[in-house]
PDB file of N, CA and C in Angstrom:
ATOM      1  N   MET A   1       0.853  -1.175   0.000  1.00  0.00           N
ATOM      2  CA  MET A   1       0.000   0.000   0.000  1.00  0.00           C
ATOM      3  C   MET A   1       0.899   1.237   0.000  1.00  0.00           C
ATOM      4  N   GLU A   2       0.523   2.187  -0.761  1.00  0.00           N
ATOM      5  CA  GLU A   2       1.315   3.401  -0.880  1.00  0.00           C
ATOM      6  C   GLU A   2       1.164   4.263   0.373  1.00  0.00           C
ATOM      7  N   MET A   3       2.295   4.722   0.901  1.00  0.00           N
ATOM      8  CA  MET A   3       2.298   5.478   2.151  1.00  0.00           C
ATOM      9  C   MET A   3       1.583   6.813   2.021  1.00  0.00           C
ATOM     10  N   GLY A   4       1.622   7.431   0.855  1.00  0.00           N
ATOM     11  CA  GLY A   4       0.933   8.703   0.648  1.00  0.00           C
ATOM     12  C   GLY A   4      -0.567   8.588   0.815  1.00  0.00           C
ATOM     13  N   ILE A   5      -1.126   7.475   0.371  1.00  0.00           N
ATOM     14  CA  ILE A   5      -2.569   7.250   0.507  1.00  0.00           C
ATOM     15  C   ILE A   5      -2.935   7.073   1.974  1.00  0.00           C
ATOM     16  N   VAL A   6      -2.102   6.338   2.706  1.00  0.00           N
ATOM     17  CA  VAL A   6      -2.359   6.114   4.129  1.00  0.00           C
ATOM     18  C   VAL A   6      -2.316   7.441   4.888  1.00  0.00           C
ATOM     19  N   VAL A   7      -1.335   8.272   4.615  1.00  0.00           N
ATOM     20  CA  VAL A   7      -1.211   9.566   5.293  1.00  0.00           C
ATOM     21  C   VAL A   7      -2.381  10.477   4.922  1.00  0.00           C
ATOM     22  N   ALA A   8      -2.758  10.487   3.662  1.00  0.00           N
ATOM     23  CA  ALA A   8      -3.888  11.321   3.232  1.00  0.00           C
ATOM     24  C   ALA A   8      -5.183  10.878   3.896  1.00  0.00           C
ATOM     25  N   ASN A   9      -5.401   9.563   3.996  1.00  0.00           N
ATOM     26  CA  ASN A   9      -6.605   9.061   4.665  1.00  0.00           C
ATOM     27  C   ASN A   9      -6.597   9.399   6.152  1.00  0.00           C
ATOM     28  N   PHE A  10      -5.431   9.334   6.785  1.00  0.00           N
ATOM     29  CA  PHE A  10      -5.338   9.677   8.204  1.00  0.00           C
ATOM     30  C   PHE A  10      -5.653  11.149   8.422  1.00  0.00           C
ATOM     31  N   ILE A  11      -5.098  12.007   7.591  1.00  0.00           N
ATOM     32  CA  ILE A  11      -5.371  13.447   7.709  1.00  0.00           C
ATOM     33  C   ILE A  11      -6.855  13.726   7.460  1.00  0.00           C
ATOM     34  N   TYR A  12      -7.435  13.050   6.488  1.00  0.00           N
ATOM     35  CA  TYR A  12      -8.857  13.217   6.192  1.00  0.00           C
ATOM     36  C   TYR A  12      -9.704  12.769   7.380  1.00  0.00           C
ATOM     37  N   ALA A  13      -9.326  11.670   8.023  1.00  0.00           N
ATOM     38  CA  ALA A  13     -10.081  11.168   9.163  1.00  0.00           C
ATOM     39  C   ALA A  13      -9.973  12.114  10.360  1.00  0.00           C
ATOM     40  N   VAL A  14      -8.789  12.652  10.607  1.00  0.00           N
ATOM     41  CA  VAL A  14      -8.612  13.598  11.718  1.00  0.00           C
ATOM     42  C   VAL A  14      -9.408  14.874  11.454  1.00  0.00           C
ATOM     43  N   PHE A  15      -9.339  15.371  10.227  1.00  0.00           N
ATOM     44  CA  PHE A  15     -10.122  16.547   9.868  1.00  0.00           C
ATOM     45  C   PHE A  15     -11.623  16.265  10.030  1.00  0.00           C
ATOM     46  N   GLY A  16     -12.048  15.081   9.646  1.00  0.00           N
ATOM     47  CA  GLY A  16     -13.456  14.705   9.800  1.00  0.00           C
ATOM     48  C   GLY A  16     -13.878  14.638  11.254  1.00  0.00           C
ATOM     49  N   ALA A  17     -12.994  14.165  12.119  1.00  0.00           N
ATOM     50  CA  ALA A  17     -13.312  14.108  13.551  1.00  0.00           C
ATOM     51  C   ALA A  17     -13.483  15.514  14.119  1.00  0.00           C
ATOM     52  N   PHE A  18     -12.578  16.423  13.751  1.00  0.00           N
ATOM     53  CA  PHE A  18     -12.704  17.806  14.213  1.00  0.00           C
ATOM     54  C   PHE A  18     -13.964  18.468  13.645  1.00  0.00           C
ATOM     55  N   LEU A  19     -14.282  18.165  12.396  1.00  0.00           N
ATOM     56  CA  LEU A  19     -15.494  18.700  11.782  1.00  0.00           C
ATOM     57  C   LEU A  19     -16.733  18.175  12.494  1.00  0.00           C
ATOM     58  N   THR A  20     -16.726  16.894  12.856  1.00  0.00           N
ATOM     59  CA  THR A  20     -17.851  16.312  13.579  1.00  0.00           C
ATOM     60  C   THR A  20     -18.049  16.997  14.921  1.00  0.00           C
ATOM     61  N   ILE A  21     -16.988  17.214  15.651  1.00  0.00           N
ATOM     62  CA  ILE A  21     -17.089  17.879  16.955  1.00  0.00           C
ATOM     63  C   ILE A  21     -17.588  19.310  16.789  1.00  0.00           C
ATOM     64  N   ALA A  22     -17.070  20.019  15.787  1.00  0.00           N
ATOM     65  CA  ALA A  22     -17.511  21.397  15.550  1.00  0.00           C
ATOM     66  C   ALA A  22     -18.994  21.451  15.198  1.00  0.00           C
ATOM     67  N   LEU A  23     -19.455  20.513  14.378  1.00  0.00           N
ATOM     68  CA  LEU A  23     -20.872  20.497  14.013  1.00  0.00           C
ATOM     69  C   LEU A  23     -21.755  20.095  15.191  1.00  0.00           C
ATOM     70  N   MET A  24     -21.249  19.252  16.086  1.00  0.00           N
ATOM     71  CA  MET A  24     -22.016  18.907  17.281  1.00  0.00           C
ATOM     72  C   MET A  24     -22.170  20.123  18.197  1.00  0.00           C
ATOM     73  N   VAL A  25     -21.103  20.892  18.348  1.00  0.00           N
ATOM     74  CA  VAL A  25     -21.180  22.115  19.159  1.00  0.00           C
ATOM     75  C   VAL A  25     -22.145  23.107  18.520  1.00  0.00           C
ATOM     76  N   LEU A  26     -22.049  23.264  17.211  1.00  0.00           N
ATOM     77  CA  LEU A  26     -22.965  24.159  16.503  1.00  0.00           C
ATOM     78  C   LEU A  26     -24.412  23.691  16.644  1.00  0.00           C
ATOM     79  N   GLY A  27     -24.629  22.392  16.523  1.00  0.00           N
ATOM     80  CA  GLY A  27     -25.980  21.845  16.691  1.00  0.00           C
ATOM     81  C   GLY A  27     -26.526  22.087  18.079  1.00  0.00           C
ATOM     82  N   TYR A  28     -25.685  21.956  19.095  1.00  0.00           N
ATOM     83  CA  TYR A  28     -26.121  22.232  20.462  1.00  0.00           C
ATOM     84  C   TYR A  28     -26.472  23.705  20.630  1.00  0.00           C
ATOM     85  N   LYS A  29     -25.665  24.589  20.062  1.00  0.00           N
ATOM     86  CA  LYS A  29     -25.942  26.031  20.158  1.00  0.00           C
ATOM     87  C   LYS A  29     -27.262  26.377  19.465  1.00  0.00           C
ATOM     88  N   VAL A  30     -27.514  25.764  18.313  1.00  0.00           N
ATOM     89  CA  VAL A  30     -28.778  26.011  17.604  1.00  0.00           C
ATOM     90  C   VAL A  30     -29.950  25.485  18.420  1.00  0.00           C
ATOM     91  N   LEU A  31     -29.809  24.285  19.001  1.00  0.00           N
ATOM     92  CA  LEU A  31     -30.877  23.739  19.847  1.00  0.00           C
ATOM     93  C   LEU A  31     -31.130  24.657  21.037  1.00  0.00           C
ATOM     94  N   ASP A  32     -30.069  25.155  21.658  1.00  0.00           N
ATOM     95  CA  ASP A  32     -30.224  26.064  22.796  1.00  0.00           C
ATOM     96  C   ASP A  32     -30.880  27.372  22.364  1.00  0.00           C
ATOM     97  N   TRP A  33     -30.592  27.803  21.147  1.00  0.00           N
ATOM     98  CA  TRP A  33     -31.157  29.059  20.642  1.00  0.00           C
ATOM     99  C   TRP A  33     -32.645  28.927  20.306  1.00  0.00           C
ATOM    100  N   ILE A  34     -33.074  27.781  19.750  1.00  0.00           N
ATOM    101  CA  ILE A  34     -34.474  27.654  19.315  1.00  0.00           C
ATOM    102  C   ILE A  34     -35.416  27.221  20.433  1.00  0.00           C
ATOM    103  N   THR A  35     -34.891  26.724  21.545  1.00  0.00           N
ATOM    104  CA  THR A  35     -35.766  26.334  22.639  1.00  0.00           C
ATOM    105  C   THR A  35     -36.062  27.546  23.521  1.00  0.00           C
ATOM    106  N   PRO A  36     -37.276  27.610  24.093  1.00  0.00           N
ATOM    107  CA  PRO A  36     -37.643  28.783  24.894  1.00  0.00           C
ATOM    108  C   PRO A  36     -37.079  28.760  26.316  1.00  0.00           C
ATOM    109  N   PHE A  37     -36.230  27.787  26.637  1.00  0.00           N
ATOM    110  CA  PHE A  37     -35.659  27.688  27.977  1.00  0.00           C
ATOM    111  C   PHE A  37     -34.148  27.521  27.867  1.00  0.00           C
ATOM    112  N   ASP A  38     -33.465  27.655  28.998  1.00  0.00           N
ATOM    113  CA  ASP A  38     -32.008  27.521  29.027  1.00  0.00           C
ATOM    114  C   ASP A  38     -31.653  26.038  29.137  1.00  0.00           C
ATOM    115  N   THR A  39     -31.171  25.486  28.041  1.00  0.00           N
ATOM    116  CA  THR A  39     -30.867  24.059  27.983  1.00  0.00           C
ATOM    117  C   THR A  39     -29.762  23.691  28.968  1.00  0.00           C
ATOM    118  N   SER A  40     -28.735  24.498  29.054  1.00  0.00           N
ATOM    119  CA  SER A  40     -27.615  24.203  29.956  1.00  0.00           C
ATOM    120  C   SER A  40     -28.057  24.163  31.409  1.00  0.00           C
ATOM    121  N   LYS A  41     -28.936  25.088  31.785  1.00  0.00           N
ATOM    122  CA  LYS A  41     -29.420  25.122  33.162  1.00  0.00           C
ATOM    123  C   LYS A  41     -30.218  23.865  33.485  1.00  0.00           C
ATOM    124  N   HIS A  42     -31.074  23.449  32.556  1.00  0.00           N
ATOM    125  CA  HIS A  42     -31.873  22.246  32.780  1.00  0.00           C
ATOM    126  C   HIS A  42     -31.008  20.993  32.811  1.00  0.00           C
ATOM    127  N   LEU A  43     -29.976  20.949  31.990  1.00  0.00           N
ATOM    128  CA  LEU A  43     -29.059  19.810  32.040  1.00  0.00           C
ATOM    129  C   LEU A  43     -28.318  19.781  33.372  1.00  0.00           C
ATOM    130  N   GLY A  44     -27.932  20.949  33.845  1.00  0.00           N
ATOM    131  CA  GLY A  44     -27.247  21.036  35.134  1.00  0.00           C
ATOM    132  C   GLY A  44     -28.124  20.625  36.304  1.00  0.00           C
ATOM    133  N   ASN A  45     -29.428  20.853  36.169  1.00  0.00           N
ATOM    134  CA  ASN A  45     -30.374  20.473  37.225  1.00  0.00           C
ATOM    135  C   ASN A  45     -30.773  19.006  37.137  1.00  0.00           C
ATOM    136  N   GLY A  46     -30.291  18.292  36.136  1.00  0.00           N
ATOM    137  CA  GLY A  46     -30.568  16.860  36.032  1.00  0.00           C
ATOM    138  C   GLY A  46     -31.859  16.519  35.316  1.00  0.00           C
ATOM    139  N   ASN A  47     -32.324  17.370  34.426  1.00  0.00           N
ATOM    140  CA  ASN A  47     -33.541  17.095  33.661  1.00  0.00           C
ATOM    141  C   ASN A  47     -33.246  15.992  32.643  1.00  0.00           C
ATOM    142  N   ILE A  48     -33.811  14.816  32.886  1.00  0.00           N
ATOM    143  CA  ILE A  48     -33.513  13.643  32.062  1.00  0.00           C
ATOM    144  C   ILE A  48     -34.068  13.806  30.654  1.00  0.00           C
ATOM    145  N   ALA A  49     -35.217  14.430  30.508  1.00  0.00           N
ATOM    146  CA  ALA A  49     -35.819  14.602  29.180  1.00  0.00           C
ATOM    147  C   ALA A  49     -34.927  15.458  28.283  1.00  0.00           C
ATOM    148  N   ILE A  50     -34.386  16.537  28.818  1.00  0.00           N
ATOM    149  CA  ILE A  50     -33.481  17.384  28.039  1.00  0.00           C
ATOM    150  C   ILE A  50     -32.205  16.614  27.706  1.00  0.00           C
ATOM    151  N   GLY A  51     -31.722  15.819  28.639  1.00  0.00           N
ATOM    152  CA  GLY A  51     -30.535  15.006  28.388  1.00  0.00           C
ATOM    153  C   GLY A  51     -30.744  14.006  27.264  1.00  0.00           C
ATOM    154  N   ILE A  52     -31.924  13.414  27.202  1.00  0.00           N
ATOM    155  CA  ILE A  52     -32.230  12.470  26.127  1.00  0.00           C
ATOM    156  C   ILE A  52     -32.281  13.187  24.783  1.00  0.00           C
ATOM    157  N   VAL A  53     -32.881  14.371  24.750  1.00  0.00           N
ATOM    158  CA  VAL A  53     -32.969  15.132  23.498  1.00  0.00           C
ATOM    159  C   VAL A  53     -31.575  15.537  23.019  1.00  0.00           C
ATOM    160  N   VAL A  54     -30.756  16.066  23.920  1.00  0.00           N
ATOM    161  CA  VAL A  54     -29.407  16.491  23.539  1.00  0.00           C
ATOM    162  C   VAL A  54     -28.565  15.286  23.135  1.00  0.00           C
ATOM    163  N   GLY A  55     -28.660  14.202  23.866  1.00  0.00           N
ATOM    164  CA  GLY A  55     -27.917  12.991  23.512  1.00  0.00           C
ATOM    165  C   GLY A  55     -28.330  12.435  22.165  1.00  0.00           C
ATOM    166  N   SER A  56     -29.623  12.439  21.894  1.00  0.00           N
ATOM    167  CA  SER A  56     -30.117  11.970  20.594  1.00  0.00           C
ATOM    168  C   SER A  56     -29.621  12.852  19.463  1.00  0.00           C
ATOM    169  N   MET A  57     -29.574  14.155  19.709  1.00  0.00           N
ATOM    170  CA  MET A  57     -29.066  15.069  18.694  1.00  0.00           C
ATOM    171  C   MET A  57     -27.595  14.783  18.404  1.00  0.00           C
ATOM    172  N   PHE A  58     -26.803  14.547  19.454  1.00  0.00           N
ATOM    173  CA  PHE A  58     -25.384  14.241  19.265  1.00  0.00           C
ATOM    174  C   PHE A  58     -25.186  12.932  18.514  1.00  0.00           C
ATOM    175  N   VAL A  59     -25.976  11.933  18.836  1.00  0.00           N
ATOM    176  CA  VAL A  59     -25.873  10.648  18.132  1.00  0.00           C
ATOM    177  C   VAL A  59     -26.224  10.814  16.658  1.00  0.00           C
ATOM    178  N   GLY A  60     -27.301  11.542  16.376  1.00  0.00           N
ATOM    179  CA  GLY A  60     -27.703  11.766  14.983  1.00  0.00           C
ATOM    180  C   GLY A  60     -26.660  12.531  14.188  1.00  0.00           C
ATOM    181  N   LEU A  61     -26.136  13.592  14.762  1.00  0.00           N
ATOM    182  CA  LEU A  61     -25.094  14.351  14.072  1.00  0.00           C
ATOM    183  C   LEU A  61     -23.826  13.520  13.896  1.00  0.00           C
ATOM    184  N   GLY A  62     -23.476  12.757  14.914  1.00  0.00           N
ATOM    185  CA  GLY A  62     -22.277  11.929  14.831  1.00  0.00           C
ATOM    186  C   GLY A  62     -22.386  10.862  13.756  1.00  0.00           C
ATOM    187  N   ILE A  63     -23.545  10.237  13.650  1.00  0.00           N
ATOM    188  CA  ILE A  63     -23.741   9.223  12.616  1.00  0.00           C
ATOM    189  C   ILE A  63     -23.681   9.840  11.226  1.00  0.00           C
ATOM    190  N   SER A  64     -24.370  10.955  11.041  1.00  0.00           N
ATOM    191  CA  SER A  64     -24.430  11.540   9.704  1.00  0.00           C
ATOM    192  C   SER A  64     -23.067  12.053   9.248  1.00  0.00           C
ATOM    193  N   VAL A  65     -22.368  12.784  10.102  1.00  0.00           N
ATOM    194  CA  VAL A  65     -21.054  13.298   9.713  1.00  0.00           C
ATOM    195  C   VAL A  65     -20.038  12.160   9.657  1.00  0.00           C
ATOM    196  N   GLY A  66     -20.147  11.193  10.559  1.00  0.00           N
ATOM    197  CA  GLY A  66     -19.246  10.056  10.536  1.00  0.00           C
ATOM    198  C   GLY A  66     -19.370   9.237   9.259  1.00  0.00           C
ATOM    199  N   LEU A  67     -20.573   9.086   8.774  1.00  0.00           N
ATOM    200  CA  LEU A  67     -20.766   8.366   7.509  1.00  0.00           C
ATOM    201  C   LEU A  67     -20.143   9.108   6.345  1.00  0.00           C
ATOM    202  N   VAL A  68     -20.272  10.423   6.345  1.00  0.00           N
ATOM    203  CA  VAL A  68     -19.653  11.206   5.269  1.00  0.00           C
ATOM    204  C   VAL A  68     -18.145  11.044   5.290  1.00  0.00           C
ATOM    205  N   VAL A  69     -17.561  11.109   6.474  1.00  0.00           N
ATOM    206  CA  VAL A  69     -16.107  10.961   6.581  1.00  0.00           C
ATOM    207  C   VAL A  69     -15.705   9.528   6.263  1.00  0.00           C
ATOM    208  N   GLY A  70     -16.422   8.566   6.797  1.00  0.00           N
ATOM    209  CA  GLY A  70     -16.078   7.161   6.571  1.00  0.00           C
ATOM    210  C   GLY A  70     -16.186   6.744   5.123  1.00  0.00           C
ATOM    211  N   LEU A  71     -17.194   7.238   4.424  1.00  0.00           N
ATOM    212  CA  LEU A  71     -17.345   6.881   3.020  1.00  0.00           C
ATOM    213  C   LEU A  71     -16.333   7.583   2.139  1.00  0.00           C
ATOM    214  N   GLY A  72     -15.745   8.659   2.647  1.00  0.00           N
ATOM    215  CA  GLY A  72     -14.723   9.358   1.869  1.00  0.00           C
ATOM    216  C   GLY A  72     -13.358   8.707   1.942  1.00  0.00           C
ATOM    217  N   LEU A  73     -13.173   7.823   2.945  1.00  0.00           N
ATOM    218  CA  LEU A  73     -11.879   7.143   3.060  1.00  0.00           C
ATOM    219  C   LEU A  73     -11.783   6.021   2.039  1.00  0.00           C
ATOM    220  N   ASN A  74     -10.581   5.767   1.582  1.00  0.00           N
ATOM    221  CA  ASN A  74     -10.365   4.695   0.597  1.00  0.00           C
ATOM    222  C   ASN A  74     -10.209   3.368   1.273  1.00  0.00           C
TER     223      ASN A  74
END
């Protein structure tokens, strides 16, 4: 296997991981912006329903961006 391809795929995967994290943070900020309550405060108080919604959002974003990155690798 050519070493250049391996290095390029590794760089692409690392960039994809950072992109996934950035999009998860952006998604959380958008969710916090569109809800009529303070999401962080409710999470801090132990509101399980808000935790499930935020966790589900992270899983969905992670799967979608992860698939894009994974399918781009050779």
